[in-house]
Amino acid sequence: MCRAVLPAHAGPRGELGAGPLLRWMDAAACLAAEKHAGVSCVTASMDDIQFEEAARVGQIIAIRTKVNRAFKTSMEVGIKVTVQDVLTNAEKIVSVAYATYVAKPVGAGKVELKPVQLLSAEDHLEHSLAIERRRIRLGYVQVFQKLMQESNKEGDFYTCEEKDAVSTEHTHVQSTELVLPPHANHHGNTFGGQIMAWMQTVASISASRLCRSHPILKAVNMFKFWGPSFVGDRLVFNAIVNNTFHNSVEVGVRVEAYNCEEWIQDQPRHINSAFLIFNALNDKGELLTFPRVKP
């Protein structure tokens, strides 16, 4: 998949916004998954995504995807994003990521995915590594939940004593989006890439309240879907700065979905959470230092 970076895709610095790029990555990976499965597929999770290079208006984004390994009903799709300058023909890697997609059965039938046909040495390597990455993903959630339980014990909370520390409450941002047909696939499920784009927007606003500049997304960590959302749902995004690390800041985003009945009764469905890492530059292109925060 190739895309030209147009002004509508760019932010204040003339660089491709992370929101459109995340949408494109999810769409391209989903097409690869559905071609292999022969049925519709939905995004289950994205491994930690690192952004190494920025694309600017006038450049070309190329997104290459392939299914690395198929399990019983899910599969890993590798995503490689590069940017090409049309004047110099130079190509640089923007990001390499791995996504997990789940095949949706048709009616009451069951889906059992066929094995991936391995054609090259690289295919064999990725096929072998995919099982290890899957093991890490499953263990990642368990380790994180254990850490959360341990940190919630009485007396374990961190407090910042610095006078100039900024309260994290100042960085809290909430946004509500109505899922419309253009935001969903033909089964009415919200596109994962669209949710990621909305998350990036609200997280960027949260980070900007500390740096007073335009934050640049550098990584998305622990992006996992806990449940689906559909056309007609209201999605509520809550973002807050968790901590700062000199030249970077981590923003946590929680996404909850409501249908009409749940909206009236205030009964949200937690469908997604993720952690987004930003940095920011001054007018000279130098990294800005973030202030310490007080939880």
C-alpha atoms as a PDB file:
ATOM      1  CA  MET A   1       0.000   0.000   0.000  1.00  0.00           C
ATOM      2  CA  CYS A   2       1.380   3.425  -0.972  1.00  0.00           C
ATOM      3  CA  ARG A   3       0.133   6.812   0.183  1.00  0.00           C
ATOM      4  CA  ALA A   4       1.200  10.325  -0.729  1.00  0.00           C
ATOM      5  CA  VAL A   5       1.542  12.584   2.305  1.00  0.00           C
ATOM      6  CA  LEU A   6      -0.767  15.553   1.679  1.00  0.00           C
ATOM      7  CA  PRO A   7      -1.213  18.737   3.751  1.00  0.00           C
ATOM      8  CA  ALA A   8      -4.445  17.288   5.201  1.00  0.00           C
ATOM      9  CA  HIS A   9      -2.392  14.423   6.706  1.00  0.00           C
ATOM     10  CA  ALA A  10       0.225  16.691   8.293  1.00  0.00           C
ATOM     11  CA  GLY A  11       0.529  18.432  11.638  1.00  0.00           C
ATOM     12  CA  PRO A  12       1.759  21.946  12.498  1.00  0.00           C
ATOM     13  CA  ARG A  13       5.369  21.035  11.645  1.00  0.00           C
ATOM     14  CA  GLY A  14       4.482  19.765   8.166  1.00  0.00           C
ATOM     15  CA  GLU A  15       5.108  16.146   9.179  1.00  0.00           C
ATOM     16  CA  LEU A  16       2.745  13.221   8.711  1.00  0.00           C
ATOM     17  CA  GLY A  17       0.461  12.950  11.733  1.00  0.00           C
ATOM     18  CA  ALA A  18       0.585   9.707  13.706  1.00  0.00           C
ATOM     19  CA  GLY A  19      -3.205   9.343  13.503  1.00  0.00           C
ATOM     20  CA  PRO A  20      -3.433   8.892   9.706  1.00  0.00           C
ATOM     21  CA  LEU A  21      -0.360   6.630   9.738  1.00  0.00           C
ATOM     22  CA  LEU A  22      -1.851   4.340  12.400  1.00  0.00           C
ATOM     23  CA  ARG A  23      -5.082   4.100  10.372  1.00  0.00           C
ATOM     24  CA  TRP A  24      -3.136   3.178   7.226  1.00  0.00           C
ATOM     25  CA  MET A  25      -1.051   0.576   9.068  1.00  0.00           C
ATOM     26  CA  ASP A  26      -4.132  -1.107  10.503  1.00  0.00           C
ATOM     27  CA  ALA A  27      -5.971  -1.096   7.162  1.00  0.00           C
ATOM     28  CA  ALA A  28      -3.015  -2.596   5.275  1.00  0.00           C
ATOM     29  CA  ALA A  29      -2.436  -5.291   7.911  1.00  0.00           C
ATOM     30  CA  CYS A  30      -6.127  -6.166   8.020  1.00  0.00           C
ATOM     31  CA  LEU A  31      -6.173  -6.656   4.239  1.00  0.00           C
ATOM     32  CA  ALA A  32      -3.272  -9.123   4.531  1.00  0.00           C
ATOM     33  CA  ALA A  33      -5.026 -10.978   7.351  1.00  0.00           C
ATOM     34  CA  GLU A  34      -8.324 -11.228   5.457  1.00  0.00           C
ATOM     35  CA  LYS A  35      -6.597 -12.391   2.278  1.00  0.00           C
ATOM     36  CA  HIS A  36      -5.081 -15.289   4.221  1.00  0.00           C
ATOM     37  CA  ALA A  37      -8.186 -16.100   6.280  1.00  0.00           C
ATOM     38  CA  GLY A  38     -10.770 -15.709   3.527  1.00  0.00           C
ATOM     39  CA  VAL A  39     -13.128 -14.126   6.071  1.00  0.00           C
ATOM     40  CA  SER A  40     -13.394 -10.815   7.885  1.00  0.00           C
ATOM     41  CA  CYS A  41     -10.792 -10.125  10.577  1.00  0.00           C
ATOM     42  CA  VAL A  42     -10.630  -7.718  13.513  1.00  0.00           C
ATOM     43  CA  THR A  43      -7.623  -6.175  15.285  1.00  0.00           C
ATOM     44  CA  ALA A  44      -6.794  -7.927  18.574  1.00  0.00           C
ATOM     45  CA  SER A  45      -3.576  -6.122  19.521  1.00  0.00           C
ATOM     46  CA  MET A  46      -0.510  -4.269  18.307  1.00  0.00           C
ATOM     47  CA  ASP A  47       2.940  -4.962  19.677  1.00  0.00           C
ATOM     48  CA  ASP A  48       4.893  -1.953  20.934  1.00  0.00           C
ATOM     49  CA  ILE A  49       5.276   0.420  17.969  1.00  0.00           C
ATOM     50  CA  GLN A  50       8.375   2.610  17.619  1.00  0.00           C
ATOM     51  CA  PHE A  51       8.505   5.517  15.156  1.00  0.00           C
ATOM     52  CA  GLU A  52      12.057   6.023  13.872  1.00  0.00           C
ATOM     53  CA  GLU A  53      11.593   8.545  11.059  1.00  0.00           C
ATOM     54  CA  ALA A  54       9.167  11.351  10.218  1.00  0.00           C
ATOM     55  CA  ALA A  55       7.497  11.728   6.816  1.00  0.00           C
ATOM     56  CA  ARG A  56       6.816  15.158   5.382  1.00  0.00           C
ATOM     57  CA  VAL A  57       4.302  16.598   2.918  1.00  0.00           C
ATOM     58  CA  GLY A  58       5.156  15.522  -0.622  1.00  0.00           C
ATOM     59  CA  GLN A  59       6.851  12.277   0.369  1.00  0.00           C
ATOM     60  CA  ILE A  60       5.502   8.769  -0.260  1.00  0.00           C
ATOM     61  CA  ILE A  61       4.634   6.287   2.490  1.00  0.00           C
ATOM     62  CA  ALA A  62       4.902   2.592   1.576  1.00  0.00           C
ATOM     63  CA  ILE A  63       3.349  -0.010   3.894  1.00  0.00           C
ATOM     64  CA  ARG A  64       4.297  -3.650   3.323  1.00  0.00           C
ATOM     65  CA  THR A  65       2.451  -6.342   5.248  1.00  0.00           C
ATOM     66  CA  LYS A  66       2.491 -10.132   5.358  1.00  0.00           C
ATOM     67  CA  VAL A  67       1.085 -12.870   7.575  1.00  0.00           C
ATOM     68  CA  ASN A  68       4.026 -14.368   9.474  1.00  0.00           C
ATOM     69  CA  ARG A  69       2.200 -17.197  11.201  1.00  0.00           C
ATOM     70  CA  ALA A  70      -1.358 -18.425  11.581  1.00  0.00           C
ATOM     71  CA  PHE A  71      -2.564 -19.985  14.808  1.00  0.00           C
ATOM     72  CA  LYS A  72      -5.973 -21.593  15.319  1.00  0.00           C
ATOM     73  CA  THR A  73      -8.182 -18.511  14.900  1.00  0.00           C
ATOM     74  CA  SER A  74      -5.639 -15.692  15.077  1.00  0.00           C
ATOM     75  CA  MET A  75      -2.571 -14.682  13.106  1.00  0.00           C
ATOM     76  CA  GLU A  76       0.430 -12.395  13.367  1.00  0.00           C
ATOM     77  CA  VAL A  77       0.887  -9.811  10.621  1.00  0.00           C
ATOM     78  CA  GLY A  78       4.222  -8.054  10.151  1.00  0.00           C
ATOM     79  CA  ILE A  79       4.096  -4.387   9.138  1.00  0.00           C
ATOM     80  CA  LYS A  80       6.991  -2.442   7.636  1.00  0.00           C
ATOM     81  CA  VAL A  81       6.561   1.271   6.931  1.00  0.00           C
ATOM     82  CA  THR A  82       9.058   3.230   4.823  1.00  0.00           C
ATOM     83  CA  VAL A  83       9.139   6.784   3.520  1.00  0.00           C
ATOM     84  CA  GLN A  84      10.476   7.725   0.091  1.00  0.00           C
ATOM     85  CA  ASP A  85      11.523  11.161  -1.079  1.00  0.00           C
ATOM     86  CA  VAL A  86      10.286  11.579  -4.659  1.00  0.00           C
ATOM     87  CA  LEU A  87      13.115  14.006  -5.525  1.00  0.00           C
ATOM     88  CA  THR A  88      16.097  12.018  -4.220  1.00  0.00           C
ATOM     89  CA  ASN A  89      14.531   8.538  -4.306  1.00  0.00           C
ATOM     90  CA  ALA A  90      16.042   7.954  -0.828  1.00  0.00           C
ATOM     91  CA  GLU A  91      14.080   5.505   1.341  1.00  0.00           C
ATOM     92  CA  LYS A  92      14.088   5.311   5.139  1.00  0.00           C
ATOM     93  CA  ILE A  93      12.341   3.019   7.613  1.00  0.00           C
ATOM     94  CA  VAL A  94       9.586   4.722   9.613  1.00  0.00           C
ATOM     95  CA  SER A  95       8.447   1.755  11.685  1.00  0.00           C
ATOM     96  CA  VAL A  96       8.424  -2.034  11.938  1.00  0.00           C
ATOM     97  CA  ALA A  97       5.487  -3.465  13.888  1.00  0.00           C
ATOM     98  CA  TYR A  98       3.575  -6.665  14.520  1.00  0.00           C
ATOM     99  CA  ALA A  99      -0.191  -6.920  14.859  1.00  0.00           C
ATOM    100  CA  THR A 100      -2.502  -9.748  15.861  1.00  0.00           C
ATOM    101  CA  TYR A 101      -5.782 -10.267  14.019  1.00  0.00           C
ATOM    102  CA  VAL A 102      -8.649 -12.624  14.830  1.00  0.00           C
ATOM    103  CA  ALA A 103     -10.760 -14.241  12.104  1.00  0.00           C
ATOM    104  CA  LYS A 104     -14.506 -13.768  12.531  1.00  0.00           C
ATOM    105  CA  PRO A 105     -16.629 -16.865  11.782  1.00  0.00           C
ATOM    106  CA  VAL A 106     -19.540 -16.574   9.379  1.00  0.00           C
ATOM    107  CA  GLY A 107     -22.780 -17.496  11.130  1.00  0.00           C
ATOM    108  CA  ALA A 108     -22.419 -20.446  13.483  1.00  0.00           C
ATOM    109  CA  GLY A 109     -19.440 -21.862  11.614  1.00  0.00           C
ATOM    110  CA  LYS A 110     -15.960 -22.168  13.067  1.00  0.00           C
ATOM    111  CA  VAL A 111     -12.781 -20.770  11.550  1.00  0.00           C
ATOM    112  CA  GLU A 112      -9.576 -22.783  11.481  1.00  0.00           C
ATOM    113  CA  LEU A 113      -6.832 -20.904   9.702  1.00  0.00           C
ATOM    114  CA  LYS A 114      -4.640 -22.639   7.146  1.00  0.00           C
ATOM    115  CA  PRO A 115      -0.853 -22.639   7.720  1.00  0.00           C
ATOM    116  CA  VAL A 116       1.242 -19.928   6.100  1.00  0.00           C
ATOM    117  CA  GLN A 117       3.165 -20.994   3.006  1.00  0.00           C
ATOM    118  CA  LEU A 118       6.860 -20.280   3.657  1.00  0.00           C
ATOM    119  CA  LEU A 119       8.803 -19.313   0.523  1.00  0.00           C
ATOM    120  CA  SER A 120      12.054 -17.751   1.721  1.00  0.00           C
ATOM    121  CA  ALA A 121      14.592 -17.911   4.536  1.00  0.00           C
ATOM    122  CA  GLU A 122      13.121 -14.674   5.900  1.00  0.00           C
ATOM    123  CA  ASP A 123       9.647 -16.276   5.945  1.00  0.00           C
ATOM    124  CA  HIS A 124      10.992 -19.229   7.947  1.00  0.00           C
ATOM    125  CA  LEU A 125      12.714 -16.896  10.415  1.00  0.00           C
ATOM    126  CA  GLU A 126       9.623 -14.743  10.983  1.00  0.00           C
ATOM    127  CA  HIS A 127       7.483 -17.879  11.296  1.00  0.00           C
ATOM    128  CA  SER A 128       9.755 -19.168  14.082  1.00  0.00           C
ATOM    129  CA  LEU A 129       9.939 -15.818  15.864  1.00  0.00           C
ATOM    130  CA  ALA A 130       6.149 -15.374  15.728  1.00  0.00           C
ATOM    131  CA  ILE A 131       5.550 -18.162  18.254  1.00  0.00           C
ATOM    132  CA  GLU A 132       8.032 -16.540  20.631  1.00  0.00           C
ATOM    133  CA  ARG A 133       6.432 -13.124  20.215  1.00  0.00           C
ATOM    134  CA  ARG A 134       3.037 -14.711  20.952  1.00  0.00           C
ATOM    135  CA  ARG A 135       4.403 -16.242  24.155  1.00  0.00           C
ATOM    136  CA  ILE A 136       5.791 -12.855  25.195  1.00  0.00           C
ATOM    137  CA  ARG A 137       2.446 -11.141  24.473  1.00  0.00           C
ATOM    138  CA  LEU A 138       0.534 -13.579  26.663  1.00  0.00           C
ATOM    139  CA  GLY A 139       3.073 -13.236  29.469  1.00  0.00           C
ATOM    140  CA  TYR A 140       3.255  -9.443  29.099  1.00  0.00           C
ATOM    141  CA  VAL A 141      -0.344  -8.963  30.287  1.00  0.00           C
ATOM    142  CA  GLN A 142       0.123 -11.269  33.276  1.00  0.00           C
ATOM    143  CA  VAL A 143       3.305  -9.503  34.386  1.00  0.00           C
ATOM    144  CA  PHE A 144       1.689  -6.070  34.016  1.00  0.00           C
ATOM    145  CA  GLN A 145      -1.383  -7.108  36.038  1.00  0.00           C
ATOM    146  CA  LYS A 146       0.880  -8.453  38.793  1.00  0.00           C
ATOM    147  CA  LEU A 147       2.829  -5.179  38.891  1.00  0.00           C
ATOM    148  CA  MET A 148      -0.433  -3.224  39.139  1.00  0.00           C
ATOM    149  CA  GLN A 149      -1.615  -5.366  42.058  1.00  0.00           C
ATOM    150  CA  GLU A 150       1.695  -4.895  43.863  1.00  0.00           C
ATOM    151  CA  SER A 151       1.734  -1.127  43.287  1.00  0.00           C
ATOM    152  CA  ASN A 152      -1.788  -0.797  44.695  1.00  0.00           C
ATOM    153  CA  LYS A 153      -0.717  -2.090  48.102  1.00  0.00           C
ATOM    154  CA  GLU A 154      -1.011   0.497  50.851  1.00  0.00           C
ATOM    155  CA  GLY A 155       2.107   2.609  51.189  1.00  0.00           C
ATOM    156  CA  ASP A 156       3.479   1.873  47.729  1.00  0.00           C
ATOM    157  CA  PHE A 157       2.288   5.096  46.077  1.00  0.00           C
ATOM    158  CA  TYR A 158       4.956   7.456  44.760  1.00  0.00           C
ATOM    159  CA  THR A 159       4.806  11.106  45.781  1.00  0.00           C
ATOM    160  CA  CYS A 160       6.823  13.914  44.257  1.00  0.00           C
ATOM    161  CA  GLU A 161       8.138  16.519  46.689  1.00  0.00           C
ATOM    162  CA  GLU A 162       9.485  18.995  44.109  1.00  0.00           C
ATOM    163  CA  LYS A 163       8.030  22.491  44.437  1.00  0.00           C
ATOM    164  CA  ASP A 164       7.594  23.044  40.686  1.00  0.00           C
ATOM    165  CA  ALA A 165       6.023  19.641  39.975  1.00  0.00           C
ATOM    166  CA  VAL A 166       2.843  19.860  37.889  1.00  0.00           C
ATOM    167  CA  SER A 167      -0.246  17.995  39.057  1.00  0.00           C
ATOM    168  CA  THR A 168      -1.216  15.247  36.616  1.00  0.00           C
ATOM    169  CA  GLU A 169      -4.834  16.371  37.012  1.00  0.00           C
ATOM    170  CA  HIS A 170      -3.873  19.403  34.895  1.00  0.00           C
ATOM    171  CA  THR A 171      -3.133  17.006  32.018  1.00  0.00           C
ATOM    172  CA  HIS A 172      -6.420  15.082  32.140  1.00  0.00           C
ATOM    173  CA  VAL A 173      -8.278  15.229  28.812  1.00  0.00           C
ATOM    174  CA  GLN A 174     -11.593  13.596  27.952  1.00  0.00           C
ATOM    175  CA  SER A 175     -13.069  13.251  24.485  1.00  0.00           C
ATOM    176  CA  THR A 176     -16.210  11.563  23.169  1.00  0.00           C
ATOM    177  CA  GLU A 177     -16.614  10.186  19.633  1.00  0.00           C
ATOM    178  CA  LEU A 178     -19.699   8.741  17.934  1.00  0.00           C
ATOM    179  CA  VAL A 179     -18.892   5.699  15.791  1.00  0.00           C
ATOM    180  CA  LEU A 180     -20.345   6.284  12.306  1.00  0.00           C
ATOM    181  CA  PRO A 181     -20.363   3.926   9.277  1.00  0.00           C
ATOM    182  CA  PRO A 182     -17.124   5.380   7.780  1.00  0.00           C
ATOM    183  CA  HIS A 183     -15.344   4.455  11.030  1.00  0.00           C
ATOM    184  CA  ALA A 184     -16.309   0.767  10.815  1.00  0.00           C
ATOM    185  CA  ASN A 185     -15.957  -2.286   8.598  1.00  0.00           C
ATOM    186  CA  HIS A 186     -18.798  -3.962   6.711  1.00  0.00           C
ATOM    187  CA  HIS A 187     -19.774  -5.896   9.854  1.00  0.00           C
ATOM    188  CA  GLY A 188     -20.191  -2.704  11.864  1.00  0.00           C
ATOM    189  CA  ASN A 189     -17.078  -3.169  14.033  1.00  0.00           C
ATOM    190  CA  THR A 190     -15.014  -0.021  14.626  1.00  0.00           C
ATOM    191  CA  PHE A 191     -11.678  -0.070  12.799  1.00  0.00           C
ATOM    192  CA  GLY A 192      -8.782  -0.552  15.221  1.00  0.00           C
ATOM    193  CA  GLY A 193      -6.755   2.046  13.353  1.00  0.00           C
ATOM    194  CA  GLN A 194      -9.513   4.618  13.813  1.00  0.00           C
ATOM    195  CA  ILE A 195      -9.535   4.032  17.563  1.00  0.00           C
ATOM    196  CA  MET A 196      -5.742   4.354  17.624  1.00  0.00           C
ATOM    197  CA  ALA A 197      -5.989   7.651  15.730  1.00  0.00           C
ATOM    198  CA  TRP A 198      -8.531   9.029  18.220  1.00  0.00           C
ATOM    199  CA  MET A 199      -6.334   7.855  21.108  1.00  0.00           C
ATOM    200  CA  GLN A 200      -3.326   9.619  19.601  1.00  0.00           C
ATOM    201  CA  THR A 201      -5.266  12.892  19.332  1.00  0.00           C
ATOM    202  CA  VAL A 202      -6.439  12.957  22.950  1.00  0.00           C
ATOM    203  CA  ALA A 203      -3.015  11.811  24.228  1.00  0.00           C
ATOM    204  CA  SER A 204      -1.287  14.546  22.221  1.00  0.00           C
ATOM    205  CA  ILE A 205      -3.503  17.204  23.817  1.00  0.00           C
ATOM    206  CA  SER A 206      -2.682  15.788  27.252  1.00  0.00           C
ATOM    207  CA  ALA A 207       1.072  15.880  26.606  1.00  0.00           C
ATOM    208  CA  SER A 208       0.874  19.402  25.157  1.00  0.00           C
ATOM    209  CA  ARG A 209      -0.339  20.730  28.499  1.00  0.00           C
ATOM    210  CA  LEU A 210       3.113  20.018  29.909  1.00  0.00           C
ATOM    211  CA  CYS A 211       5.436  20.948  27.040  1.00  0.00           C
ATOM    212  CA  ARG A 212       3.431  23.904  25.648  1.00  0.00           C
ATOM    213  CA  SER A 213       4.445  22.756  22.194  1.00  0.00           C
ATOM    214  CA  HIS A 214       3.302  20.242  19.589  1.00  0.00           C
ATOM    215  CA  PRO A 215       4.215  16.763  20.935  1.00  0.00           C
ATOM    216  CA  ILE A 216       5.650  14.137  18.577  1.00  0.00           C
ATOM    217  CA  LEU A 217       4.521  10.543  19.032  1.00  0.00           C
ATOM    218  CA  LYS A 218       7.518   8.218  19.354  1.00  0.00           C
ATOM    219  CA  ALA A 219       5.956   4.960  20.547  1.00  0.00           C
ATOM    220  CA  VAL A 220       2.679   3.176  21.327  1.00  0.00           C
ATOM    221  CA  ASN A 221       2.932   0.498  24.016  1.00  0.00           C
ATOM    222  CA  MET A 222       0.592  -2.291  25.181  1.00  0.00           C
ATOM    223  CA  PHE A 223      -2.186  -1.596  22.680  1.00  0.00           C
ATOM    224  CA  LYS A 224      -4.737  -4.383  23.158  1.00  0.00           C
ATOM    225  CA  PHE A 225      -8.464  -4.721  22.517  1.00  0.00           C
ATOM    226  CA  TRP A 226     -10.451  -6.100  25.443  1.00  0.00           C
ATOM    227  CA  GLY A 227     -13.747  -5.988  23.561  1.00  0.00           C
ATOM    228  CA  PRO A 228     -15.391  -4.724  20.359  1.00  0.00           C
ATOM    229  CA  SER A 229     -17.295  -1.538  19.607  1.00  0.00           C
ATOM    230  CA  PHE A 230     -19.870  -0.956  16.901  1.00  0.00           C
ATOM    231  CA  VAL A 231     -21.537   1.680  14.726  1.00  0.00           C
ATOM    232  CA  GLY A 232     -23.724   3.807  16.990  1.00  0.00           C
ATOM    233  CA  ASP A 233     -21.499   3.396  20.054  1.00  0.00           C
ATOM    234  CA  ARG A 234     -20.224   6.406  21.955  1.00  0.00           C
ATOM    235  CA  LEU A 235     -16.523   6.046  22.693  1.00  0.00           C
ATOM    236  CA  VAL A 236     -15.168   7.988  25.668  1.00  0.00           C
ATOM    237  CA  PHE A 237     -11.410   8.592  25.719  1.00  0.00           C
ATOM    238  CA  ASN A 238      -9.685   9.552  28.968  1.00  0.00           C
ATOM    239  CA  ALA A 239      -6.016  10.547  28.782  1.00  0.00           C
ATOM    240  CA  ILE A 240      -3.642  11.629  31.538  1.00  0.00           C
ATOM    241  CA  VAL A 241       0.127  11.989  31.903  1.00  0.00           C
ATOM    242  CA  ASN A 242       1.490   9.116  33.986  1.00  0.00           C
ATOM    243  CA  ASN A 243       5.080  10.338  34.297  1.00  0.00           C
ATOM    244  CA  THR A 244       7.819  12.352  32.616  1.00  0.00           C
ATOM    245  CA  PHE A 245      11.374  11.255  31.835  1.00  0.00           C
ATOM    246  CA  HIS A 246      13.419  14.392  31.114  1.00  0.00           C
ATOM    247  CA  ASN A 247      12.889  14.582  27.303  1.00  0.00           C
ATOM    248  CA  SER A 248       9.862  12.279  27.033  1.00  0.00           C
ATOM    249  CA  VAL A 249       6.451  11.815  28.583  1.00  0.00           C
ATOM    250  CA  GLU A 250       4.151   8.813  28.952  1.00  0.00           C
ATOM    251  CA  VAL A 251       0.411   9.343  28.509  1.00  0.00           C
ATOM    252  CA  GLY A 252      -2.070   6.653  29.467  1.00  0.00           C
ATOM    253  CA  VAL A 253      -5.344   6.423  27.517  1.00  0.00           C
ATOM    254  CA  ARG A 254      -8.393   4.390  28.497  1.00  0.00           C
ATOM    255  CA  VAL A 255     -11.260   3.856  26.039  1.00  0.00           C
ATOM    256  CA  GLU A 256     -14.801   2.975  27.127  1.00  0.00           C
ATOM    257  CA  ALA A 257     -17.764   2.237  24.860  1.00  0.00           C
ATOM    258  CA  TYR A 258     -21.471   2.777  25.417  1.00  0.00           C
ATOM    259  CA  ASN A 259     -24.498   1.864  23.348  1.00  0.00           C
ATOM    260  CA  CYS A 260     -27.654   3.947  23.833  1.00  0.00           C
ATOM    261  CA  GLU A 261     -28.919   1.934  26.799  1.00  0.00           C
ATOM    262  CA  GLU A 262     -25.509   1.786  28.467  1.00  0.00           C
ATOM    263  CA  TRP A 263     -25.095   5.532  27.916  1.00  0.00           C
ATOM    264  CA  ILE A 264     -28.293   6.313  29.859  1.00  0.00           C
ATOM    265  CA  GLN A 265     -27.444   3.859  32.644  1.00  0.00           C
ATOM    266  CA  ASP A 266     -23.755   4.876  32.814  1.00  0.00           C
ATOM    267  CA  GLN A 267     -22.535   1.309  32.244  1.00  0.00           C
ATOM    268  CA  PRO A 268     -19.341   1.545  30.173  1.00  0.00           C
ATOM    269  CA  ARG A 269     -17.531  -1.314  28.440  1.00  0.00           C
ATOM    270  CA  HIS A 270     -13.748  -1.054  28.751  1.00  0.00           C
ATOM    271  CA  ILE A 271     -12.566  -1.856  25.221  1.00  0.00           C
ATOM    272  CA  ASN A 272      -8.989  -0.602  25.067  1.00  0.00           C
ATOM    273  CA  SER A 273      -6.056   0.937  26.900  1.00  0.00           C
ATOM    274  CA  ALA A 274      -2.585   1.937  25.757  1.00  0.00           C
ATOM    275  CA  PHE A 275       0.455   3.976  26.730  1.00  0.00           C
ATOM    276  CA  LEU A 276       1.794   6.593  24.309  1.00  0.00           C
ATOM    277  CA  ILE A 277       5.280   8.106  24.504  1.00  0.00           C
ATOM    278  CA  PHE A 278       5.906  11.635  23.211  1.00  0.00           C
ATOM    279  CA  ASN A 279       8.755  14.092  22.963  1.00  0.00           C
ATOM    280  CA  ALA A 280       8.707  17.692  21.754  1.00  0.00           C
ATOM    281  CA  LEU A 281      11.039  20.069  19.911  1.00  0.00           C
ATOM    282  CA  ASN A 282      11.648  23.787  20.168  1.00  0.00           C
ATOM    283  CA  ASP A 283      12.013  26.151  17.196  1.00  0.00           C
ATOM    284  CA  LYS A 284      15.663  25.094  16.797  1.00  0.00           C
ATOM    285  CA  GLY A 285      14.790  21.405  16.573  1.00  0.00           C
ATOM    286  CA  GLU A 286      16.152  20.678  20.071  1.00  0.00           C
ATOM    287  CA  LEU A 287      14.410  18.314  22.467  1.00  0.00           C
ATOM    288  CA  LEU A 288      12.386  20.072  25.147  1.00  0.00           C
ATOM    289  CA  THR A 289      12.649  19.073  28.799  1.00  0.00           C
ATOM    290  CA  PHE A 290       9.397  18.100  30.476  1.00  0.00           C
ATOM    291  CA  PRO A 291       8.669  19.241  34.050  1.00  0.00           C
ATOM    292  CA  ARG A 292       8.270  16.686  36.832  1.00  0.00           C
ATOM    293  CA  VAL A 293       4.703  15.689  37.619  1.00  0.00           C
ATOM    294  CA  LYS A 294       2.868  15.056  40.867  1.00  0.00           C
ATOM    295  CA  PRO A 295       0.378  12.155  40.692  1.00  0.00           C
END
